[in-house]
PDB file of N, CA and C in Angstrom:
ATOM      1  N   UNK A   1      19.626 -17.798 -14.820  1.00  0.00           N
ATOM      2  CA  UNK A   1      19.661 -18.052 -16.242  1.00  0.00           C
ATOM      3  C   UNK A   1      18.973 -16.921 -16.999  1.00  0.00           C
ATOM      4  N   UNK A   2      17.834 -16.478 -16.472  1.00  0.00           N
ATOM      5  CA  UNK A   2      17.108 -15.390 -17.122  1.00  0.00           C
ATOM      6  C   UNK A   2      17.948 -14.129 -17.201  1.00  0.00           C
ATOM      7  N   UNK A   3      18.657 -13.794 -16.118  1.00  0.00           N
ATOM      8  CA  UNK A   3      19.485 -12.594 -16.097  1.00  0.00           C
ATOM      9  C   UNK A   3      20.611 -12.671 -17.123  1.00  0.00           C
ATOM     10  N   UNK A   4      21.197 -13.860 -17.266  1.00  0.00           N
ATOM     11  CA  UNK A   4      22.313 -14.022 -18.209  1.00  0.00           C
ATOM     12  C   UNK A   4      21.860 -13.985 -19.663  1.00  0.00           C
ATOM     13  N   UNK A   5      20.704 -14.548 -19.952  1.00  0.00           N
ATOM     14  CA  UNK A   5      20.244 -14.664 -21.338  1.00  0.00           C
ATOM     15  C   UNK A   5      19.262 -13.573 -21.746  1.00  0.00           C
ATOM     16  N   UNK A   6      18.649 -12.930 -20.767  1.00  0.00           N
ATOM     17  CA  UNK A   6      17.664 -11.916 -21.097  1.00  0.00           C
ATOM     18  C   UNK A   6      16.357 -12.477 -21.611  1.00  0.00           C
ATOM     19  N   UNK A   7      16.117 -13.777 -21.358  1.00  0.00           N
ATOM     20  CA  UNK A   7      14.895 -14.431 -21.806  1.00  0.00           C
ATOM     21  C   UNK A   7      14.129 -14.888 -20.573  1.00  0.00           C
ATOM     22  N   UNK A   8      12.864 -14.505 -20.483  1.00  0.00           N
ATOM     23  CA  UNK A   8      12.049 -14.916 -19.351  1.00  0.00           C
ATOM     24  C   UNK A   8      11.625 -16.373 -19.509  1.00  0.00           C
ATOM     25  N   UNK A   9      11.768 -17.134 -18.439  1.00  0.00           N
ATOM     26  CA  UNK A   9      11.418 -18.549 -18.459  1.00  0.00           C
ATOM     27  C   UNK A   9      10.268 -18.783 -17.495  1.00  0.00           C
ATOM     28  N   UNK A  10       9.280 -19.532 -17.931  1.00  0.00           N
ATOM     29  CA  UNK A  10       8.132 -19.831 -17.093  1.00  0.00           C
ATOM     30  C   UNK A  10       8.292 -21.224 -16.495  1.00  0.00           C
ATOM     31  N   UNK A  11       8.063 -21.347 -15.185  1.00  0.00           N
ATOM     32  CA  UNK A  11       8.132 -22.639 -14.509  1.00  0.00           C
ATOM     33  C   UNK A  11       6.976 -23.512 -14.981  1.00  0.00           C
ATOM     34  N   UNK A  12       7.296 -24.750 -15.356  1.00  0.00           N
ATOM     35  CA  UNK A  12       6.290 -25.702 -15.814  1.00  0.00           C
ATOM     36  C   UNK A  12       6.224 -26.857 -14.811  1.00  0.00           C
ATOM     37  N   UNK A  13       5.376 -26.759 -13.778  1.00  0.00           N
ATOM     38  CA  UNK A  13       5.334 -27.796 -12.748  1.00  0.00           C
ATOM     39  C   UNK A  13       4.853 -29.151 -13.270  1.00  0.00           C
ATOM     40  N   UNK A  14       4.045 -29.164 -14.300  1.00  0.00           N
ATOM     41  CA  UNK A  14       3.584 -30.430 -14.870  1.00  0.00           C
ATOM     42  C   UNK A  14       4.754 -31.176 -15.502  1.00  0.00           C
ATOM     43  N   UNK A  15       5.620 -30.475 -16.195  1.00  0.00           N
ATOM     44  CA  UNK A  15       6.797 -31.109 -16.790  1.00  0.00           C
ATOM     45  C   UNK A  15       7.711 -31.676 -15.702  1.00  0.00           C
ATOM     46  N   UNK A  16       7.850 -30.943 -14.609  1.00  0.00           N
ATOM     47  CA  UNK A  16       8.669 -31.446 -13.501  1.00  0.00           C
ATOM     48  C   UNK A  16       8.082 -32.735 -12.927  1.00  0.00           C
ATOM     49  N   UNK A  17       6.780 -32.773 -12.771  1.00  0.00           N
ATOM     50  CA  UNK A  17       6.120 -33.970 -12.243  1.00  0.00           C
ATOM     51  C   UNK A  17       6.280 -35.170 -13.177  1.00  0.00           C
ATOM     52  N   UNK A  18       6.318 -34.924 -14.459  1.00  0.00           N
ATOM     53  CA  UNK A  18       6.469 -36.002 -15.436  1.00  0.00           C
ATOM     54  C   UNK A  18       7.912 -36.478 -15.564  1.00  0.00           C
ATOM     55  N   UNK A  19       8.867 -35.600 -15.286  1.00  0.00           N
ATOM     56  CA  UNK A  19      10.280 -35.924 -15.468  1.00  0.00           C
ATOM     57  C   UNK A  19      10.949 -36.527 -14.240  1.00  0.00           C
ATOM     58  N   UNK A  20      10.367 -36.342 -13.068  1.00  0.00           N
ATOM     59  CA  UNK A  20      10.983 -36.778 -11.816  1.00  0.00           C
ATOM     60  C   UNK A  20      10.003 -37.594 -10.993  1.00  0.00           C
ATOM     61  N   UNK A  21      10.538 -38.564 -10.223  1.00  0.00           N
ATOM     62  CA  UNK A  21       9.728 -39.345  -9.299  1.00  0.00           C
ATOM     63  C   UNK A  21      10.385 -39.309  -7.929  1.00  0.00           C
ATOM     64  N   UNK A  22       9.564 -39.138  -6.890  1.00  0.00           N
ATOM     65  CA  UNK A  22      10.059 -39.068  -5.516  1.00  0.00           C
ATOM     66  C   UNK A  22       9.924 -40.439  -4.848  1.00  0.00           C
ATOM     67  N   UNK A  23      10.964 -40.843  -4.114  1.00  0.00           N
ATOM     68  CA  UNK A  23      10.970 -42.106  -3.383  1.00  0.00           C
ATOM     69  C   UNK A  23      11.466 -41.871  -1.969  1.00  0.00           C
ATOM     70  N   UNK A  24      11.075 -42.753  -1.061  1.00  0.00           N
ATOM     71  CA  UNK A  24      11.588 -42.664   0.303  1.00  0.00           C
ATOM     72  C   UNK A  24      13.008 -43.190   0.402  1.00  0.00           C
ATOM     73  N   UNK A  25      13.339 -44.217  -0.401  1.00  0.00           N
ATOM     74  CA  UNK A  25      14.685 -44.804  -0.373  1.00  0.00           C
ATOM     75  C   UNK A  25      15.145 -45.144  -1.785  1.00  0.00           C
ATOM     76  N   UNK A  26      16.441 -45.284  -1.938  1.00  0.00           N
ATOM     77  CA  UNK A  26      17.005 -45.691  -3.229  1.00  0.00           C
ATOM     78  C   UNK A  26      16.654 -47.139  -3.536  1.00  0.00           C
ATOM     79  N   UNK A  27      16.562 -47.969  -2.513  1.00  0.00           N
ATOM     80  CA  UNK A  27      16.184 -49.375  -2.713  1.00  0.00           C
ATOM     81  C   UNK A  27      14.791 -49.451  -3.331  1.00  0.00           C
ATOM     82  N   UNK A  28      13.873 -48.635  -2.821  1.00  0.00           N
ATOM     83  CA  UNK A  28      12.521 -48.574  -3.368  1.00  0.00           C
ATOM     84  C   UNK A  28      12.542 -48.105  -4.826  1.00  0.00           C
ATOM     85  N   UNK A  29      13.347 -47.108  -5.137  1.00  0.00           N
ATOM     86  CA  UNK A  29      13.443 -46.594  -6.510  1.00  0.00           C
ATOM     87  C   UNK A  29      13.996 -47.653  -7.448  1.00  0.00           C
ATOM     88  N   UNK A  30      15.028 -48.354  -7.021  1.00  0.00           N
ATOM     89  CA  UNK A  30      15.643 -49.374  -7.872  1.00  0.00           C
ATOM     90  C   UNK A  30      14.647 -50.481  -8.197  1.00  0.00           C
ATOM     91  N   UNK A  31      13.752 -50.799  -7.273  1.00  0.00           N
ATOM     92  CA  UNK A  31      12.733 -51.830  -7.527  1.00  0.00           C
ATOM     93  C   UNK A  31      11.832 -51.433  -8.691  1.00  0.00           C
ATOM     94  N   UNK A  32      11.563 -50.137  -8.849  1.00  0.00           N
ATOM     95  CA  UNK A  32      10.747 -49.676  -9.978  1.00  0.00           C
ATOM     96  C   UNK A  32      11.444 -49.928 -11.315  1.00  0.00           C
ATOM     97  N   UNK A  33      12.737 -50.104 -11.282  1.00  0.00           N
ATOM     98  CA  UNK A  33      13.508 -50.355 -12.503  1.00  0.00           C
ATOM     99  C   UNK A  33      14.007 -51.802 -12.542  1.00  0.00           C
ATOM    100  N   UNK A  34      13.260 -52.698 -11.855  1.00  0.00           N
ATOM    101  CA  UNK A  34      13.477 -54.141 -11.895  1.00  0.00           C
ATOM    102  C   UNK A  34      14.841 -54.569 -11.370  1.00  0.00           C
ATOM    103  N   UNK A  35      15.358 -53.848 -10.377  1.00  0.00           N
ATOM    104  CA  UNK A  35      16.613 -54.231  -9.737  1.00  0.00           C
ATOM    105  C   UNK A  35      16.385 -54.342  -8.243  1.00  0.00           C
ATOM    106  N   UNK A  36      16.835 -55.426  -7.649  1.00  0.00           N
ATOM    107  CA  UNK A  36      16.693 -55.648  -6.211  1.00  0.00           C
ATOM    108  C   UNK A  36      18.024 -55.390  -5.522  1.00  0.00           C
ATOM    109  N   UNK A  37      18.015 -54.545  -4.528  1.00  0.00           N
ATOM    110  CA  UNK A  37      19.198 -54.249  -3.725  1.00  0.00           C
ATOM    111  C   UNK A  37      18.808 -54.299  -2.251  1.00  0.00           C
ATOM    112  N   UNK A  38      19.697 -54.842  -1.430  1.00  0.00           N
ATOM    113  CA  UNK A  38      19.508 -54.815   0.017  1.00  0.00           C
ATOM    114  C   UNK A  38      20.204 -53.613   0.629  1.00  0.00           C
ATOM    115  N   UNK A  39      21.205 -53.113  -0.070  1.00  0.00           N
ATOM    116  CA  UNK A  39      22.039 -52.034   0.444  1.00  0.00           C
ATOM    117  C   UNK A  39      21.683 -50.712  -0.234  1.00  0.00           C
ATOM    118  N   UNK A  40      21.416 -49.683   0.571  1.00  0.00           N
ATOM    119  CA  UNK A  40      21.050 -48.362   0.060  1.00  0.00           C
ATOM    120  C   UNK A  40      22.152 -47.783  -0.828  1.00  0.00           C
ATOM    121  N   UNK A  41      23.396 -47.968  -0.427  1.00  0.00           N
ATOM    122  CA  UNK A  41      24.529 -47.426  -1.182  1.00  0.00           C
ATOM    123  C   UNK A  41      24.627 -48.049  -2.575  1.00  0.00           C
ATOM    124  N   UNK A  42      24.436 -49.370  -2.665  1.00  0.00           N
ATOM    125  CA  UNK A  42      24.471 -50.041  -3.968  1.00  0.00           C
ATOM    126  C   UNK A  42      23.330 -49.566  -4.866  1.00  0.00           C
ATOM    127  N   UNK A  43      22.166 -49.373  -4.271  1.00  0.00           N
ATOM    128  CA  UNK A  43      21.013 -48.895  -5.042  1.00  0.00           C
ATOM    129  C   UNK A  43      21.261 -47.479  -5.556  1.00  0.00           C
ATOM    130  N   UNK A  44      21.848 -46.624  -4.715  1.00  0.00           N
ATOM    131  CA  UNK A  44      22.168 -45.262  -5.156  1.00  0.00           C
ATOM    132  C   UNK A  44      23.179 -45.273  -6.290  1.00  0.00           C
ATOM    133  N   UNK A  45      24.198 -46.122  -6.195  1.00  0.00           N
ATOM    134  CA  UNK A  45      25.195 -46.219  -7.271  1.00  0.00           C
ATOM    135  C   UNK A  45      24.536 -46.633  -8.582  1.00  0.00           C
ATOM    136  N   UNK A  46      23.639 -47.623  -8.519  1.00  0.00           N
ATOM    137  CA  UNK A  46      22.919 -48.070  -9.717  1.00  0.00           C
ATOM    138  C   UNK A  46      22.125 -46.923 -10.330  1.00  0.00           C
ATOM    139  N   UNK A  47      21.368 -46.207  -9.493  1.00  0.00           N
ATOM    140  CA  UNK A  47      20.540 -45.113  -9.989  1.00  0.00           C
ATOM    141  C   UNK A  47      21.375 -43.982 -10.561  1.00  0.00           C
ATOM    142  N   UNK A  48      22.485 -43.668  -9.913  1.00  0.00           N
ATOM    143  CA  UNK A  48      23.360 -42.590 -10.402  1.00  0.00           C
ATOM    144  C   UNK A  48      24.001 -42.952 -11.747  1.00  0.00           C
ATOM    145  N   UNK A  49      24.222 -44.241 -11.988  1.00  0.00           N
ATOM    146  CA  UNK A  49      24.764 -44.665 -13.281  1.00  0.00           C
ATOM    147  C   UNK A  49      23.746 -44.477 -14.401  1.00  0.00           C
ATOM    148  N   UNK A  50      22.467 -44.531 -14.052  1.00  0.00           N
ATOM    149  CA  UNK A  50      21.407 -44.468 -15.060  1.00  0.00           C
ATOM    150  C   UNK A  50      20.771 -43.099 -15.218  1.00  0.00           C
ATOM    151  N   UNK A  51      20.819 -42.269 -14.158  1.00  0.00           N
ATOM    152  CA  UNK A  51      20.017 -41.049 -14.162  1.00  0.00           C
ATOM    153  C   UNK A  51      20.587 -40.021 -13.194  1.00  0.00           C
ATOM    154  N   UNK A  52      19.880 -38.906 -13.068  1.00  0.00           N
ATOM    155  CA  UNK A  52      20.207 -37.901 -12.062  1.00  0.00           C
ATOM    156  C   UNK A  52      19.447 -38.231 -10.786  1.00  0.00           C
ATOM    157  N   UNK A  53      20.133 -38.102  -9.657  1.00  0.00           N
ATOM    158  CA  UNK A  53      19.536 -38.395  -8.358  1.00  0.00           C
ATOM    159  C   UNK A  53      19.761 -37.193  -7.452  1.00  0.00           C
ATOM    160  N   UNK A  54      18.704 -36.752  -6.802  1.00  0.00           N
ATOM    161  CA  UNK A  54      18.785 -35.654  -5.834  1.00  0.00           C
ATOM    162  C   UNK A  54      18.365 -36.215  -4.484  1.00  0.00           C
ATOM    163  N   UNK A  55      19.295 -36.208  -3.542  1.00  0.00           N
ATOM    164  CA  UNK A  55      18.989 -36.683  -2.192  1.00  0.00           C
ATOM    165  C   UNK A  55      18.553 -35.513  -1.322  1.00  0.00           C
ATOM    166  N   UNK A  56      17.586 -35.765  -0.459  1.00  0.00           N
ATOM    167  CA  UNK A  56      17.165 -34.766   0.513  1.00  0.00           C
ATOM    168  C   UNK A  56      16.796 -35.485   1.800  1.00  0.00           C
ATOM    169  N   UNK A  57      16.473 -34.749   2.819  1.00  0.00           N
ATOM    170  CA  UNK A  57      16.309 -35.289   4.159  1.00  0.00           C
ATOM    171  C   UNK A  57      15.323 -36.456   4.249  1.00  0.00           C
ATOM    172  N   UNK A  58      14.208 -36.392   3.564  1.00  0.00           N
ATOM    173  CA  UNK A  58      13.184 -37.430   3.720  1.00  0.00           C
ATOM    174  C   UNK A  58      13.044 -38.333   2.501  1.00  0.00           C
ATOM    175  N   UNK A  59      14.034 -38.363   1.617  1.00  0.00           N
ATOM    176  CA  UNK A  59      13.946 -39.255   0.463  1.00  0.00           C
ATOM    177  C   UNK A  59      14.877 -38.844  -0.658  1.00  0.00           C
ATOM    178  N   UNK A  60      14.529 -39.274  -1.865  1.00  0.00           N
ATOM    179  CA  UNK A  60      15.316 -38.936  -3.060  1.00  0.00           C
ATOM    180  C   UNK A  60      14.380 -38.625  -4.221  1.00  0.00           C
ATOM    181  N   UNK A  61      14.898 -37.877  -5.170  1.00  0.00           N
ATOM    182  CA  UNK A  61      14.224 -37.648  -6.441  1.00  0.00           C
ATOM    183  C   UNK A  61      15.065 -38.314  -7.520  1.00  0.00           C
ATOM    184  N   UNK A  62      14.425 -39.002  -8.434  1.00  0.00           N
ATOM    185  CA  UNK A  62      15.125 -39.657  -9.537  1.00  0.00           C
ATOM    186  C   UNK A  62      14.514 -39.155 -10.833  1.00  0.00           C
ATOM    187  N   UNK A  63      15.381 -38.691 -11.734  1.00  0.00           N
ATOM    188  CA  UNK A  63      14.885 -38.288 -13.039  1.00  0.00           C
ATOM    189  C   UNK A  63      14.511 -39.563 -13.788  1.00  0.00           C
ATOM    190  N   UNK A  64      13.300 -39.617 -14.289  1.00  0.00           N
ATOM    191  CA  UNK A  64      12.803 -40.824 -14.955  1.00  0.00           C
ATOM    192  C   UNK A  64      13.682 -41.199 -16.137  1.00  0.00           C
ATOM    193  N   UNK A  65      13.928 -42.503 -16.268  1.00  0.00           N
ATOM    194  CA  UNK A  65      14.743 -43.013 -17.388  1.00  0.00           C
ATOM    195  C   UNK A  65      14.108 -44.229 -17.968  1.00  0.00           C
TER     196      UNK A  65
END
């Protein structure tokens, strides 16, 4: 982005910490938003409808909503 726009951007790790939450499972994340799911796939679908979800090997990141 910097190369295309010619504007230097500074990484703000505090903003990232405030905007995203890490969970071990989608079921666990959905519980934080008052939804109970037994199935990981259903929980992921719910979260994807509400927010951005990034899956990785040991869990997921959910953009706070």
